[in-house]
Amino acid sequence: MANNVDNEMVAAAILAAGFASAQRVALSGGVLEDTLKEKYVEFLAFIRAQKATESAPRPGTGGAGRSKRKK
């Protein structure tokens, strides 16, 4: 479980760094630092939501019985 959280945090940090790179603003500006914090939290929530969507069971694929096809 801890490894999953670490991977999520690293992925969010990479996305936030990409965002900062695209802004082409000096990191010492102060304004970008606040924006990065906000974007990091936003990206982390996005990654977690995507993982939850991927791991959720799909309708019609669950169940213990065999499929019932007509022969």
N, C-alpha and C. Protein backbone atom coordinates (compact mmCIF):
# COMPACT_ATOMS: atom_id res chain seq x y z
N MET A 1 0.83 -1.20 0.00
CA MET A 1 0.00 0.00 0.00
C MET A 1 0.87 1.26 0.00
N ALA A 2 1.93 1.26 0.80
CA ALA A 2 2.79 2.44 0.86
C ALA A 2 3.45 2.69 -0.49
N ASN A 3 3.79 1.63 -1.21
CA ASN A 3 4.41 1.78 -2.51
C ASN A 3 3.44 2.43 -3.50
N ASN A 4 2.16 2.09 -3.42
CA ASN A 4 1.15 2.71 -4.27
C ASN A 4 1.07 4.20 -4.04
N VAL A 5 1.06 4.60 -2.77
CA VAL A 5 0.97 6.01 -2.43
C VAL A 5 2.21 6.74 -2.93
N ASP A 6 3.39 6.12 -2.75
CA ASP A 6 4.62 6.74 -3.23
C ASP A 6 4.57 6.93 -4.74
N ASN A 7 4.10 5.93 -5.47
CA ASN A 7 4.00 6.04 -6.92
C ASN A 7 3.05 7.15 -7.33
N GLU A 8 1.94 7.28 -6.62
CA GLU A 8 0.98 8.34 -6.92
C GLU A 8 1.60 9.71 -6.68
N MET A 9 2.34 9.83 -5.59
CA MET A 9 2.97 11.12 -5.26
C MET A 9 4.04 11.48 -6.29
N VAL A 10 4.82 10.50 -6.71
CA VAL A 10 5.84 10.75 -7.72
C VAL A 10 5.20 11.16 -9.04
N ALA A 11 4.13 10.47 -9.43
CA ALA A 11 3.45 10.81 -10.68
C ALA A 11 2.89 12.23 -10.62
N ALA A 12 2.29 12.60 -9.50
CA ALA A 12 1.75 13.95 -9.35
C ALA A 12 2.87 15.00 -9.39
N ALA A 13 4.01 14.68 -8.78
CA ALA A 13 5.14 15.61 -8.79
C ALA A 13 5.67 15.79 -10.22
N ILE A 14 5.72 14.71 -10.98
CA ILE A 14 6.18 14.81 -12.37
C ILE A 14 5.23 15.67 -13.19
N LEU A 15 3.93 15.48 -13.01
CA LEU A 15 2.96 16.29 -13.73
C LEU A 15 3.07 17.77 -13.34
N ALA A 16 3.27 18.03 -12.05
CA ALA A 16 3.41 19.41 -11.59
C ALA A 16 4.69 20.03 -12.15
N ALA A 17 5.77 19.25 -12.24
CA ALA A 17 7.02 19.76 -12.81
C ALA A 17 6.83 20.07 -14.29
N GLY A 18 6.10 19.22 -14.99
CA GLY A 18 5.81 19.48 -16.39
C GLY A 18 4.99 20.75 -16.56
N PHE A 19 4.06 20.96 -15.65
CA PHE A 19 3.26 22.17 -15.68
C PHE A 19 4.15 23.39 -15.48
N ALA A 20 5.08 23.31 -14.51
CA ALA A 20 5.99 24.43 -14.24
C ALA A 20 6.87 24.70 -15.45
N SER A 21 7.34 23.65 -16.08
CA SER A 21 8.19 23.81 -17.25
C SER A 21 7.45 24.50 -18.38
N ALA A 22 6.19 24.16 -18.55
CA ALA A 22 5.39 24.76 -19.61
C ALA A 22 5.10 26.23 -19.34
N GLN A 23 5.13 26.63 -18.08
CA GLN A 23 4.84 28.03 -17.73
C GLN A 23 6.01 28.95 -18.07
N ARG A 24 7.21 28.41 -18.09
CA ARG A 24 8.43 29.17 -18.40
C ARG A 24 8.57 30.40 -17.53
N VAL A 25 8.32 30.23 -16.24
CA VAL A 25 8.46 31.30 -15.27
C VAL A 25 9.52 30.86 -14.27
N ALA A 26 10.32 31.80 -13.80
CA ALA A 26 11.36 31.47 -12.83
C ALA A 26 10.74 30.89 -11.56
N LEU A 27 11.35 29.83 -11.03
CA LEU A 27 10.82 29.18 -9.83
C LEU A 27 10.92 30.08 -8.61
N SER A 28 11.77 31.08 -8.64
CA SER A 28 11.93 31.96 -7.48
C SER A 28 10.87 33.05 -7.43
N GLY A 29 9.93 33.02 -8.34
CA GLY A 29 8.91 34.06 -8.41
C GLY A 29 7.95 34.09 -7.25
N GLY A 30 7.74 32.99 -6.54
CA GLY A 30 6.81 32.94 -5.42
C GLY A 30 5.40 32.60 -5.87
N VAL A 31 4.93 33.24 -6.92
CA VAL A 31 3.59 32.97 -7.42
C VAL A 31 3.53 31.56 -7.98
N LEU A 32 4.57 31.16 -8.71
CA LEU A 32 4.60 29.82 -9.28
C LEU A 32 4.63 28.76 -8.19
N GLU A 33 5.31 29.06 -7.08
CA GLU A 33 5.37 28.10 -5.97
C GLU A 33 3.97 27.78 -5.45
N ASP A 34 3.15 28.78 -5.27
CA ASP A 34 1.78 28.55 -4.80
C ASP A 34 0.98 27.78 -5.85
N THR A 35 1.16 28.14 -7.11
CA THR A 35 0.47 27.45 -8.19
C THR A 35 0.88 25.99 -8.25
N LEU A 36 2.18 25.72 -8.06
CA LEU A 36 2.66 24.34 -8.07
C LEU A 36 2.02 23.52 -6.96
N LYS A 37 1.90 24.10 -5.79
CA LYS A 37 1.27 23.39 -4.68
C LYS A 37 -0.18 23.03 -5.03
N GLU A 38 -0.88 23.98 -5.61
CA GLU A 38 -2.27 23.73 -6.01
C GLU A 38 -2.35 22.66 -7.10
N LYS A 39 -1.47 22.76 -8.09
CA LYS A 39 -1.48 21.80 -9.19
C LYS A 39 -1.10 20.41 -8.72
N TYR A 40 -0.14 20.32 -7.78
CA TYR A 40 0.27 19.02 -7.25
C TYR A 40 -0.93 18.32 -6.61
N VAL A 41 -1.67 19.02 -5.79
CA VAL A 41 -2.85 18.45 -5.14
C VAL A 41 -3.89 18.06 -6.19
N GLU A 42 -4.06 18.91 -7.19
CA GLU A 42 -5.02 18.63 -8.27
C GLU A 42 -4.62 17.38 -9.05
N PHE A 43 -3.34 17.27 -9.40
CA PHE A 43 -2.86 16.11 -10.16
C PHE A 43 -2.93 14.83 -9.32
N LEU A 44 -2.64 14.94 -8.03
CA LEU A 44 -2.71 13.77 -7.15
C LEU A 44 -4.15 13.26 -7.08
N ALA A 45 -5.10 14.16 -6.95
CA ALA A 45 -6.51 13.76 -6.92
C ALA A 45 -6.93 13.13 -8.25
N PHE A 46 -6.42 13.69 -9.35
CA PHE A 46 -6.74 13.14 -10.68
C PHE A 46 -6.20 11.71 -10.82
N ILE A 47 -4.96 11.51 -10.40
CA ILE A 47 -4.35 10.18 -10.51
C ILE A 47 -5.11 9.17 -9.66
N ARG A 48 -5.47 9.56 -8.45
CA ARG A 48 -6.21 8.65 -7.58
C ARG A 48 -7.59 8.34 -8.16
N ALA A 49 -8.24 9.32 -8.76
CA ALA A 49 -9.55 9.08 -9.37
C ALA A 49 -9.43 8.13 -10.56
N GLN A 50 -8.38 8.28 -11.35
CA GLN A 50 -8.16 7.39 -12.48
C GLN A 50 -7.92 5.96 -12.01
N LYS A 51 -7.14 5.80 -10.94
CA LYS A 51 -6.89 4.47 -10.41
C LYS A 51 -8.16 3.84 -9.88
N ALA A 52 -9.01 4.64 -9.24
CA ALA A 52 -10.26 4.12 -8.70
C ALA A 52 -11.18 3.68 -9.84
N THR A 53 -11.18 4.44 -10.92
CA THR A 53 -12.00 4.10 -12.08
C THR A 53 -11.52 2.81 -12.72
N GLU A 54 -10.21 2.64 -12.83
CA GLU A 54 -9.64 1.44 -13.45
C GLU A 54 -9.89 0.19 -12.61
N SER A 55 -9.88 0.34 -11.29
CA SER A 55 -10.03 -0.83 -10.43
C SER A 55 -11.48 -1.16 -10.11
N ALA A 56 -12.40 -0.28 -10.47
CA ALA A 56 -13.82 -0.54 -10.21
C ALA A 56 -14.32 -1.64 -11.14
N PRO A 57 -15.18 -2.52 -10.62
CA PRO A 57 -15.72 -3.58 -11.48
C PRO A 57 -16.61 -3.00 -12.57
N ARG A 58 -16.52 -3.55 -13.74
CA ARG A 58 -17.34 -3.09 -14.86
C ARG A 58 -18.67 -3.82 -14.85
N PRO A 59 -19.74 -3.13 -15.23
CA PRO A 59 -21.05 -3.79 -15.26
C PRO A 59 -21.05 -4.96 -16.25
N GLY A 60 -21.64 -6.05 -15.82
CA GLY A 60 -21.76 -7.21 -16.70
C GLY A 60 -20.56 -8.12 -16.73
N THR A 61 -19.47 -7.76 -16.01
CA THR A 61 -18.29 -8.62 -16.03
C THR A 61 -18.13 -9.40 -14.75
N GLY A 62 -18.89 -9.09 -13.75
CA GLY A 62 -18.76 -9.77 -12.46
C GLY A 62 -19.67 -10.97 -12.38
N GLY A 63 -19.62 -11.60 -11.23
CA GLY A 63 -20.51 -12.75 -11.01
C GLY A 63 -19.75 -14.04 -11.01
N ALA A 64 -20.26 -15.00 -10.25
CA ALA A 64 -19.58 -16.28 -10.13
C ALA A 64 -20.05 -17.30 -11.15
N GLY A 65 -21.20 -17.06 -11.77
CA GLY A 65 -21.75 -18.03 -12.72
C GLY A 65 -21.10 -17.96 -14.08
N ARG A 66 -21.30 -19.01 -14.84
CA ARG A 66 -20.78 -19.01 -16.21
C ARG A 66 -21.73 -18.23 -17.09
N SER A 67 -21.21 -17.78 -18.23
CA SER A 67 -22.07 -17.04 -19.14
C SER A 67 -23.13 -17.99 -19.71
N LYS A 68 -24.28 -17.44 -19.98
CA LYS A 68 -25.39 -18.24 -20.46
C LYS A 68 -25.65 -17.90 -21.93
N ARG A 69 -25.09 -18.70 -22.80
CA ARG A 69 -25.31 -18.52 -24.23
C ARG A 69 -26.25 -19.59 -24.74
N LYS A 70 -27.02 -19.23 -25.74
CA LYS A 70 -27.86 -20.24 -26.38
C LYS A 70 -27.01 -21.08 -27.30
N LYS A 71 -27.29 -22.36 -27.30
CA LYS A 71 -26.51 -23.26 -28.16
C LYS A 71 -27.24 -23.52 -29.45
